[in-house]
Amino acid sequence: MAIKTAIIRTMIAATTLIGATAAIAQAAETYPSRLVKMIVPASAGGPSDIVARLVADKLGQALGQPVIVENRPGGSLMIGTGAVAKSDPDGYTLLVTTSTPIVTVPFTMKNVPYDVQQDLITVSHLGSTPLVLYVANANPAKSLKDVLEIAKAKPEQANYGSYGTGSSAHILNEHVIKQTGVRMVHIPYKGVAPELQDLVGGQILTAVADIGSAAPLVQGGQIRPVAVTGSRRSTLLADVPTFAEQGVTGLEPFSPWWGVFAPRKTPTAVVDRLSREIQKIVKSPEFNAKMASLGIEPTGLSWDEADRTTRDEMNRWKGIVANLSDIKFE
């Protein structure tokens, strides 16, 4: 009797599994049948928001369903990221973000409301850009050395902005502080846009941002770049020396990237469909031109390549943060 009961239970479990698999396959075949939402964990107007809207517009056309962007800033980018991580894995809620909450925040913050390895899968990488240190145009500093001298001479002005605690901008500045011995105070913001606004207003001495989001303020003569990450100068800021050229080493790998993510249990067929459509978008001349205007170099990796790259990046950032073990990020 026990054996018979076990066999029946096994048959029931197998039937249930087959039914569930069939339901998932059917859902993937009909995907999408309604609106798709892209959540951006940063403020409207910032680079992540702009990139997301570029993708959403073309993706909606490719899928035949509306794709909208919803901004959920705050919590060092964890609020929006966590919302997607815990959403239904059906392909109707996606995340578009810079790499910060994916590969950096998990190692710098406590009580992160998601586990990247368990909760999220990378649908595609979109592009990357160097980080740049900016000062207000009214500031006399013309180089990194000038900034450090001002910070030493005028400690009341020695504060720097970042787009969130635990962000790559935060870690970059702490790296500079540790290597140079200067004392500065961290002022975190809910995104790049408000950070740059306070830089223009004189509330902070420096701000770190990508090239594209700062470009209008640079062109308008309101802020000025003084140092750029990377092993060589950016072609878009050819006159601005790298941090290494100015004596601060180790910042060569600091180039944030943007990606599209979905809950990890999203059906592979759905992830593959999204990845293929997004790759087409990223490779299009129109998208390339728009990304170039933002100072972003397009990438467009397939989901399996992108997911492996994300895991590799997490290991790299784990090591970077470990070298700043004396820094309190939270």
Protein backbone atom coordinates (compact mmCIF):
# COMPACT_ATOMS: atom_id res chain seq x y z
CA MET A 1 0.00 0.00 0.00
CA ALA A 2 2.83 2.39 0.89
CA ILE A 3 4.51 1.74 -2.45
CA LYS A 4 1.26 2.28 -4.33
CA THR A 5 0.65 5.55 -2.47
CA ALA A 6 4.17 6.74 -3.27
CA ILE A 7 3.68 5.94 -6.94
CA ILE A 8 0.39 7.85 -7.02
CA ARG A 9 2.00 10.87 -5.33
CA THR A 10 4.87 10.77 -7.81
CA MET A 11 2.44 10.65 -10.72
CA ILE A 12 0.47 13.58 -9.31
CA ALA A 13 3.66 15.61 -8.81
CA ALA A 14 4.82 14.81 -12.33
CA THR A 15 1.43 15.77 -13.77
CA THR A 16 1.49 19.03 -11.82
CA LEU A 17 5.01 19.79 -13.05
CA ILE A 18 4.06 19.05 -16.64
CA GLY A 19 1.01 21.26 -16.31
CA ALA A 20 3.03 24.09 -14.81
CA THR A 21 5.69 23.76 -17.51
CA ALA A 22 3.04 23.81 -20.20
CA ALA A 23 1.45 26.91 -18.67
CA ILE A 24 4.81 28.68 -18.60
CA ALA A 25 5.51 27.70 -22.21
CA GLN A 26 2.09 28.95 -23.29
CA ALA A 27 2.62 32.23 -21.43
CA ALA A 28 5.96 32.65 -23.17
CA GLU A 29 4.39 32.01 -26.58
CA THR A 30 1.74 34.67 -26.03
CA TYR A 31 4.13 37.16 -24.40
CA PRO A 32 3.48 40.01 -24.24
CA SER A 33 -0.28 40.29 -24.09
CA ARG A 34 -0.40 43.53 -22.08
CA LEU A 35 1.56 46.57 -20.97
CA VAL A 36 5.20 46.09 -19.91
CA LYS A 37 6.63 48.29 -17.16
CA MET A 38 10.28 49.33 -16.87
CA ILE A 39 11.21 50.52 -13.39
CA VAL A 40 14.11 52.96 -13.04
CA PRO A 41 15.41 53.25 -9.44
CA ALA A 42 16.63 56.82 -10.01
CA SER A 43 15.10 60.25 -10.55
CA ALA A 44 13.58 61.39 -13.83
CA GLY A 45 16.01 63.24 -16.07
CA GLY A 46 19.09 61.28 -15.07
CA PRO A 47 21.04 58.96 -17.37
CA SER A 48 19.22 55.79 -16.31
CA ASP A 49 15.88 57.45 -16.99
CA ILE A 50 16.98 58.71 -20.40
CA VAL A 51 18.42 55.33 -21.42
CA ALA A 52 15.29 53.52 -20.22
CA ARG A 53 13.02 55.75 -22.29
CA LEU A 54 15.16 55.21 -25.38
CA VAL A 55 14.79 51.45 -24.96
CA ALA A 56 11.12 51.54 -23.95
CA ASP A 57 10.04 53.44 -27.03
CA LYS A 58 11.64 51.00 -29.49
CA LEU A 59 10.89 47.90 -27.43
CA GLY A 60 7.20 48.76 -27.34
CA GLN A 61 7.18 48.93 -31.12
CA ALA A 62 8.97 45.59 -31.40
CA LEU A 63 6.71 43.80 -28.91
CA GLY A 64 3.46 45.31 -30.12
CA GLN A 65 2.51 46.37 -26.58
CA PRO A 66 3.08 49.62 -24.65
CA VAL A 67 6.30 49.76 -22.63
CA ILE A 68 6.25 52.49 -19.99
CA VAL A 69 8.92 53.83 -17.64
CA GLU A 70 8.24 54.31 -13.94
CA ASN A 71 10.74 56.11 -11.68
CA ARG A 72 11.18 54.82 -8.13
CA PRO A 73 14.19 56.66 -6.70
CA GLY A 74 15.57 56.44 -3.20
CA GLY A 75 17.25 54.04 -0.84
CA SER A 76 20.56 54.17 -2.70
CA LEU A 77 18.74 52.79 -5.75
CA MET A 78 17.51 49.82 -3.69
CA ILE A 79 13.81 50.73 -3.63
CA GLY A 80 13.18 50.35 -7.35
CA THR A 81 15.64 47.49 -7.71
CA GLY A 82 14.03 45.58 -4.86
CA ALA A 83 10.57 46.14 -6.32
CA VAL A 84 11.54 44.39 -9.54
CA ALA A 85 13.45 41.63 -7.74
CA LYS A 86 10.32 40.71 -5.78
CA SER A 87 7.81 41.18 -8.62
CA ASP A 88 6.07 38.39 -10.51
CA PRO A 89 8.54 36.64 -12.85
CA ASP A 90 6.39 37.03 -15.94
CA GLY A 91 8.33 39.56 -18.01
CA TYR A 92 5.91 42.42 -17.38
CA THR A 93 8.07 44.19 -14.80
CA LEU A 94 11.65 44.96 -15.80
CA LEU A 95 14.48 46.97 -14.29
CA VAL A 96 16.66 49.47 -16.14
CA THR A 97 19.53 50.73 -14.03
CA THR A 98 23.15 51.58 -13.85
CA SER A 99 25.39 48.86 -12.44
CA THR A 100 25.51 50.45 -8.97
CA PRO A 101 22.62 48.64 -7.24
CA ILE A 102 23.62 45.39 -8.95
CA VAL A 103 27.36 45.03 -8.42
CA THR A 104 28.26 47.67 -5.82
CA VAL A 105 25.44 48.21 -3.32
CA PRO A 106 25.32 44.52 -2.25
CA PHE A 107 28.84 44.94 -0.84
CA THR A 108 28.48 48.41 0.68
CA MET A 109 25.03 48.40 2.27
CA LYS A 110 23.38 46.41 5.03
CA ASN A 111 19.88 45.01 4.76
CA VAL A 112 19.80 45.03 0.96
CA PRO A 113 16.21 43.91 0.15
CA TYR A 114 17.25 41.64 -2.71
CA ASP A 115 19.88 39.07 -3.66
CA VAL A 116 21.15 39.69 -7.18
CA GLN A 117 22.26 36.09 -7.62
CA GLN A 118 18.92 34.67 -6.50
CA ASP A 119 16.41 37.34 -7.49
CA LEU A 120 17.54 38.93 -10.76
CA ILE A 121 18.67 37.84 -14.21
CA THR A 122 20.43 40.12 -16.67
CA VAL A 123 18.41 40.52 -19.86
CA SER A 124 20.98 42.68 -21.64
CA HIS A 125 23.79 45.15 -21.08
CA LEU A 126 23.14 48.44 -22.87
CA GLY A 127 26.33 50.49 -22.65
CA SER A 128 29.02 51.96 -20.42
CA THR A 129 30.67 55.31 -19.73
CA PRO A 130 33.57 56.69 -17.66
CA LEU A 131 32.92 58.65 -14.49
CA VAL A 132 33.98 62.28 -14.26
CA LEU A 133 34.80 64.55 -11.32
CA TYR A 134 33.19 67.98 -11.74
CA VAL A 135 33.42 71.33 -9.96
CA ALA A 136 31.23 74.40 -10.33
CA ASN A 137 32.47 76.87 -12.91
CA ALA A 138 32.73 79.52 -10.19
CA ASN A 139 35.22 77.28 -8.41
CA PRO A 140 38.84 78.25 -9.19
CA ALA A 141 39.97 74.60 -9.29
CA LYS A 142 41.22 73.50 -12.70
CA SER A 143 42.68 70.12 -11.73
CA LEU A 144 42.37 67.34 -9.18
CA LYS A 145 45.37 68.80 -7.35
CA ASP A 146 43.53 72.13 -7.05
CA VAL A 147 40.45 70.38 -5.62
CA LEU A 148 42.52 68.58 -3.00
CA GLU A 149 44.31 71.78 -2.01
CA ILE A 150 40.97 73.59 -1.55
CA ALA A 151 39.68 70.70 0.57
CA LYS A 152 42.77 70.88 2.78
CA ALA A 153 42.77 74.67 3.08
CA LYS A 154 39.01 75.12 3.49
CA PRO A 155 37.58 72.13 5.35
CA GLU A 156 34.19 73.86 5.60
CA GLN A 157 33.93 73.46 1.81
CA ALA A 158 35.29 69.92 1.76
CA ASN A 159 32.16 68.00 0.85
CA TYR A 160 31.48 65.89 -2.18
CA GLY A 161 28.30 64.65 -3.77
CA SER A 162 27.40 61.23 -5.10
CA TYR A 163 24.25 59.65 -6.52
CA GLY A 164 23.73 57.52 -3.43
CA THR A 165 25.46 55.85 -0.51
CA GLY A 166 27.35 52.82 -1.73
CA SER A 167 27.27 54.01 -5.34
CA SER A 168 30.30 53.85 -7.62
CA ALA A 169 30.60 57.63 -7.23
CA HIS A 170 30.73 57.24 -3.45
CA ILE A 171 33.39 54.53 -3.65
CA LEU A 172 35.41 56.53 -6.18
CA ASN A 173 35.62 59.50 -3.85
CA GLU A 174 36.50 57.36 -0.85
CA HIS A 175 39.25 55.77 -2.92
CA VAL A 176 40.64 59.24 -3.69
CA ILE A 177 40.39 60.27 -0.03
CA LYS A 178 42.18 57.14 1.16
CA GLN A 179 44.98 57.49 -1.39
CA THR A 180 45.56 61.24 -0.90
CA GLY A 181 44.86 61.60 2.81
CA VAL A 182 42.51 64.56 2.33
CA ARG A 183 39.40 64.84 4.54
CA MET A 184 36.02 65.29 2.86
CA VAL A 185 32.37 64.78 3.82
CA HIS A 186 30.04 62.65 1.73
CA ILE A 187 26.67 64.14 0.69
CA PRO A 188 24.48 61.44 -0.95
CA TYR A 189 21.65 62.30 -3.37
CA LYS A 190 18.73 60.41 -4.90
CA GLY A 191 20.26 60.43 -8.35
CA VAL A 192 22.62 62.38 -10.57
CA ALA A 193 20.30 65.29 -11.41
CA PRO A 194 19.85 66.66 -7.85
CA GLU A 195 23.54 66.11 -7.15
CA LEU A 196 24.54 68.29 -10.10
CA GLN A 197 21.95 70.92 -9.18
CA ASP A 198 23.59 71.36 -5.77
CA LEU A 199 27.02 71.49 -7.37
CA VAL A 200 25.89 74.40 -9.52
CA GLY A 201 24.34 76.01 -6.45
CA GLY A 202 27.56 75.78 -4.46
CA GLN A 203 26.26 73.39 -1.79
CA ILE A 204 29.01 70.86 -2.56
CA LEU A 205 32.63 71.19 -3.66
CA THR A 206 32.65 68.35 -6.18
CA ALA A 207 30.29 65.90 -7.84
CA VAL A 208 30.87 62.68 -9.75
CA ALA A 209 28.66 61.95 -12.74
CA ASP A 210 28.71 60.41 -16.19
CA ILE A 211 29.52 62.52 -19.24
CA GLY A 212 26.03 62.62 -20.73
CA SER A 213 24.02 63.81 -17.74
CA ALA A 214 26.52 66.59 -17.03
CA ALA A 215 26.95 67.67 -20.66
CA PRO A 216 24.24 70.40 -20.70
CA LEU A 217 25.73 72.03 -17.60
CA VAL A 218 29.25 71.81 -19.02
CA GLN A 219 28.13 73.28 -22.33
CA GLY A 220 26.23 75.98 -20.44
CA GLY A 221 29.35 77.01 -18.57
CA GLN A 222 27.97 76.05 -15.16
CA ILE A 223 30.27 73.17 -14.24
CA ARG A 224 33.73 72.00 -15.33
CA PRO A 225 35.29 68.49 -15.54
CA VAL A 226 38.66 68.08 -13.83
CA ALA A 227 39.35 64.32 -13.91
CA VAL A 228 38.05 61.22 -15.70
CA THR A 229 38.25 57.51 -14.89
CA GLY A 230 39.64 54.94 -17.30
CA SER A 231 43.03 53.90 -18.58
CA ARG A 232 42.96 56.62 -21.22
CA ARG A 233 41.22 59.94 -21.78
CA SER A 234 37.69 59.95 -23.08
CA THR A 235 37.34 60.96 -26.73
CA LEU A 236 34.45 63.17 -25.61
CA LEU A 237 36.63 64.96 -23.02
CA ALA A 238 40.02 64.78 -24.69
CA ASP A 239 41.37 67.79 -22.78
CA VAL A 240 40.55 66.33 -19.36
CA PRO A 241 43.31 64.17 -17.85
CA THR A 242 42.57 60.86 -16.16
CA PHE A 243 42.84 60.40 -12.41
CA ALA A 244 45.97 58.31 -13.02
CA GLU A 245 47.59 61.16 -14.94
CA GLN A 246 46.98 63.33 -11.90
CA GLY A 247 48.48 60.92 -9.41
CA VAL A 248 45.52 58.85 -8.21
CA THR A 249 45.71 55.26 -9.42
CA GLY A 250 43.31 52.34 -9.26
CA LEU A 251 40.32 54.09 -10.82
CA GLU A 252 40.89 52.70 -14.30
CA PRO A 253 38.03 50.11 -14.04
CA PHE A 254 35.46 52.61 -12.75
CA SER A 255 33.10 52.76 -15.72
CA PRO A 256 29.45 52.27 -14.79
CA TRP A 257 27.27 50.39 -17.23
CA TRP A 258 23.55 50.17 -17.82
CA GLY A 259 21.51 47.01 -18.10
CA VAL A 260 18.02 45.56 -18.26
CA PHE A 261 17.06 43.01 -15.63
CA ALA A 262 14.10 40.75 -14.86
CA PRO A 263 13.13 38.55 -11.90
CA ARG A 264 15.36 35.46 -12.10
CA LYS A 265 12.49 32.96 -12.43
CA THR A 266 11.15 34.68 -15.55
CA PRO A 267 10.71 32.02 -18.27
CA THR A 268 13.83 31.62 -20.39
CA ALA A 269 11.78 32.02 -23.57
CA VAL A 270 10.57 35.44 -22.38
CA VAL A 271 14.07 36.55 -21.32
CA ASP A 272 15.44 35.39 -24.66
CA ARG A 273 12.74 37.27 -26.59
CA LEU A 274 13.42 40.46 -24.66
CA SER A 275 17.17 40.07 -25.04
CA ARG A 276 16.99 39.57 -28.79
CA GLU A 277 14.74 42.60 -29.28
CA ILE A 278 16.91 44.79 -27.06
CA GLN A 279 20.08 43.71 -28.89
CA LYS A 280 18.48 44.84 -32.15
CA ILE A 281 17.70 48.20 -30.57
CA VAL A 282 21.21 48.66 -29.17
CA LYS A 283 22.81 47.80 -32.51
CA SER A 284 20.65 50.22 -34.49
CA PRO A 285 22.35 53.37 -35.86
CA GLU A 286 19.68 55.58 -34.30
CA PHE A 287 20.22 54.16 -30.82
CA ASN A 288 24.01 54.36 -31.21
CA ALA A 289 23.78 58.03 -32.15
CA LYS A 290 21.57 58.83 -29.16
CA MET A 291 23.80 56.92 -26.77
CA ALA A 292 26.88 58.68 -28.13
CA SER A 293 25.20 62.02 -27.39
CA LEU A 294 24.93 60.83 -23.77
CA GLY A 295 28.60 59.85 -23.65
CA ILE A 296 27.71 56.14 -23.52
CA GLU A 297 29.31 53.43 -25.62
CA PRO A 298 26.68 50.80 -26.57
CA THR A 299 27.29 47.12 -25.82
CA GLY A 300 24.14 45.01 -26.28
CA LEU A 301 25.21 41.61 -24.92
CA SER A 302 22.86 38.62 -25.09
CA TRP A 303 21.25 37.63 -21.81
CA ASP A 304 23.57 34.69 -21.05
CA GLU A 305 26.71 36.71 -21.85
CA ALA A 306 25.37 39.68 -19.92
CA ASP A 307 24.47 37.57 -16.90
CA ARG A 308 27.97 36.08 -16.77
CA THR A 309 29.46 39.56 -17.08
CA THR A 310 27.28 40.78 -14.21
CA ARG A 311 28.53 37.97 -11.97
CA ASP A 312 32.15 38.74 -12.93
CA GLU A 313 31.58 42.43 -12.14
CA MET A 314 30.15 41.51 -8.74
CA ASN A 315 33.34 39.61 -7.90
CA ARG A 316 35.47 42.55 -9.06
CA TRP A 317 33.55 45.06 -6.92
CA LYS A 318 33.64 42.75 -3.93
CA GLY A 319 37.42 43.05 -4.06
CA ILE A 320 37.36 46.82 -4.57
CA VAL A 321 35.11 47.37 -1.56
CA ALA A 322 37.15 44.94 0.56
CA ASN A 323 40.14 47.26 0.07
CA LEU A 324 38.08 50.03 1.68
CA SER A 325 37.15 47.97 4.74
CA ASP A 326 37.78 50.92 7.05
CA ILE A 327 35.12 53.02 5.27
CA LYS A 328 31.59 53.04 6.66
CA PHE A 329 29.23 53.11 3.71
CA GLU A 330 25.99 52.99 5.67
